[in-house]
Amino acid sequence: MTTRWKRFYQKQMGDAKLRELVEGELENLQLGVQIAKLRAEEKLSQTKLAALAEMSAPKISAMENEPRNLTIGTLIRVAHALDRRVEIKLVRRKRAKAGRGRNGGGMRRTDRD
C-alpha cells in the first residue's frame, strides 16, 4: 500500500536538486550513525569516548548527529579511541540521468597532457 507520505516523497525525489541534497545528507549521516553504533558496542558514553579521543563531549555529539567538516585527523582520533582504524574508499556516485553532472548539461572534463 502506498501511503500519502510515500507518494509525496517520490514526487519530491523527482526534483534533481532536492534529490541531490537528500542523498548528500544521508551520506553525511551514515558516518555519524557508524560512530554512534561503534560507541554503543564498546559501551561508552559520549563523555567517555570524548575523554579517550581527547576532545569534548559536544564534539562527539555533533559528529554523531551532524557530521560536517570533519577532518581526517579528528576521525582518526575517534577511531583510535574506539580501537579501530580509518579506511577511506572513493566510490562512484550514483547519477540521476546520464550526461548531467557537476560540470553542467552533458559537458565532460577531459584529461590534459
Protein backbone atom coordinates (compact mmCIF):
# COMPACT_ATOMS: atom_id res chain seq x y z
CA MET A 1 0.00 0.00 0.00
CA THR A 2 1.34 3.40 -0.94
CA THR A 3 0.92 6.00 1.77
CA ARG A 4 0.46 9.71 1.22
CA TRP A 5 3.91 10.24 2.68
CA LYS A 6 5.46 7.78 0.19
CA ARG A 7 3.71 9.48 -2.75
CA PHE A 8 4.87 12.90 -1.50
CA TYR A 9 8.44 11.64 -1.04
CA GLN A 10 8.52 10.07 -4.50
CA LYS A 11 7.24 13.30 -6.05
CA GLN A 12 9.87 15.35 -4.22
CA MET A 13 12.66 12.99 -5.29
CA GLY A 14 11.69 13.74 -8.90
CA ASP A 15 13.39 17.12 -8.39
CA ALA A 16 17.09 16.51 -9.17
CA LYS A 17 18.38 19.31 -6.91
CA LEU A 18 16.33 18.18 -3.92
CA ARG A 19 17.30 14.54 -4.52
CA GLU A 20 20.99 15.52 -4.55
CA LEU A 21 20.58 17.42 -1.26
CA VAL A 22 18.78 14.49 0.39
CA GLU A 23 21.36 11.97 -0.81
CA GLY A 24 24.17 14.21 0.45
CA GLU A 25 22.57 14.44 3.88
CA LEU A 26 22.11 10.67 4.01
CA GLU A 27 25.79 10.18 3.14
CA ASN A 28 26.76 12.52 5.99
CA LEU A 29 24.51 10.75 8.47
CA GLN A 30 25.97 7.32 7.65
CA LEU A 31 29.27 8.30 9.24
CA GLY A 32 27.57 9.66 12.36
CA VAL A 33 25.44 6.55 12.74
CA GLN A 34 28.52 4.35 12.37
CA ILE A 35 30.33 6.27 15.13
CA ALA A 36 27.30 6.03 17.42
CA LYS A 37 26.94 2.27 16.80
CA LEU A 38 30.62 1.60 17.49
CA ARG A 39 30.44 3.69 20.65
CA ALA A 40 27.41 1.69 21.81
CA GLU A 41 29.17 -1.62 21.01
CA GLU A 42 32.07 -0.53 23.22
CA LYS A 43 29.56 0.51 25.92
CA LEU A 44 30.97 4.03 26.01
CA SER A 45 29.12 7.23 26.77
CA GLN A 46 29.79 10.25 24.60
CA THR A 47 31.67 11.74 27.54
CA LYS A 48 33.90 8.68 27.93
CA LEU A 49 34.60 8.49 24.19
CA ALA A 50 35.40 12.19 24.18
CA ALA A 51 37.90 11.70 27.00
CA LEU A 52 39.56 8.79 25.19
CA ALA A 53 39.75 10.84 21.97
CA GLU A 54 40.89 13.95 23.85
CA MET A 55 38.01 16.12 22.67
CA SER A 56 34.78 17.49 24.10
CA ALA A 57 31.55 15.51 24.53
CA PRO A 58 29.62 18.11 22.45
CA LYS A 59 32.07 17.45 19.60
CA ILE A 60 31.27 13.71 19.77
CA SER A 61 27.55 14.53 19.82
CA ALA A 62 27.95 16.79 16.78
CA MET A 63 29.88 14.07 14.95
CA GLU A 64 27.12 11.55 15.59
CA ASN A 65 24.21 13.87 14.80
CA GLU A 66 25.50 16.33 12.20
CA PRO A 67 28.85 15.11 10.88
CA ARG A 68 30.05 18.05 8.82
CA ASN A 69 33.51 19.35 8.03
CA LEU A 70 35.28 16.61 9.95
CA THR A 71 38.99 16.38 9.46
CA ILE A 72 40.71 13.08 8.85
CA GLY A 73 42.73 13.75 12.00
CA THR A 74 39.54 14.01 14.07
CA LEU A 75 38.21 10.78 12.58
CA ILE A 76 41.49 9.03 13.34
CA ARG A 77 41.40 10.20 16.97
CA VAL A 78 37.85 8.85 17.38
CA ALA A 79 38.71 5.62 15.57
CA HIS A 80 41.72 5.01 17.81
CA ALA A 81 39.60 5.74 20.89
CA LEU A 82 37.21 3.02 19.62
CA ASP A 83 40.15 0.68 18.91
CA ARG A 84 39.51 0.97 15.18
CA ARG A 85 41.32 2.38 12.16
CA VAL A 86 40.03 4.65 9.41
CA GLU A 87 39.65 3.39 5.85
CA ILE A 88 38.78 5.82 3.10
CA LYS A 89 37.35 4.50 -0.13
CA LEU A 90 36.30 6.56 -3.12
CA VAL A 91 33.32 5.09 -4.93
CA ARG A 92 31.44 6.25 -7.99
CA ARG A 93 28.44 8.43 -7.22
CA LYS A 94 25.02 7.48 -8.48
CA ARG A 95 23.87 9.71 -11.31
CA ALA A 96 20.22 10.63 -11.80
CA LYS A 97 20.50 10.98 -15.59
CA ALA A 98 23.37 10.22 -17.92
CA GLY A 99 25.38 13.24 -19.01
CA ARG A 100 24.29 15.54 -16.20
CA GLY A 101 26.82 16.19 -13.52
CA ARG A 102 28.57 18.90 -11.63
CA ASN A 103 30.06 20.46 -14.73
CA GLY A 104 26.72 21.13 -16.39
CA GLY A 105 24.49 19.74 -19.09
CA GLY A 106 26.42 16.96 -20.71
CA MET A 107 29.88 18.56 -20.78
CA ARG A 108 32.61 16.27 -19.58
CA ARG A 109 36.03 17.04 -18.23
CA THR A 110 38.92 15.60 -20.15
CA ASP A 111 42.41 14.71 -19.04
CA ARG A 112 45.05 17.23 -20.01
CA ASP A 113 48.50 16.12 -21.14
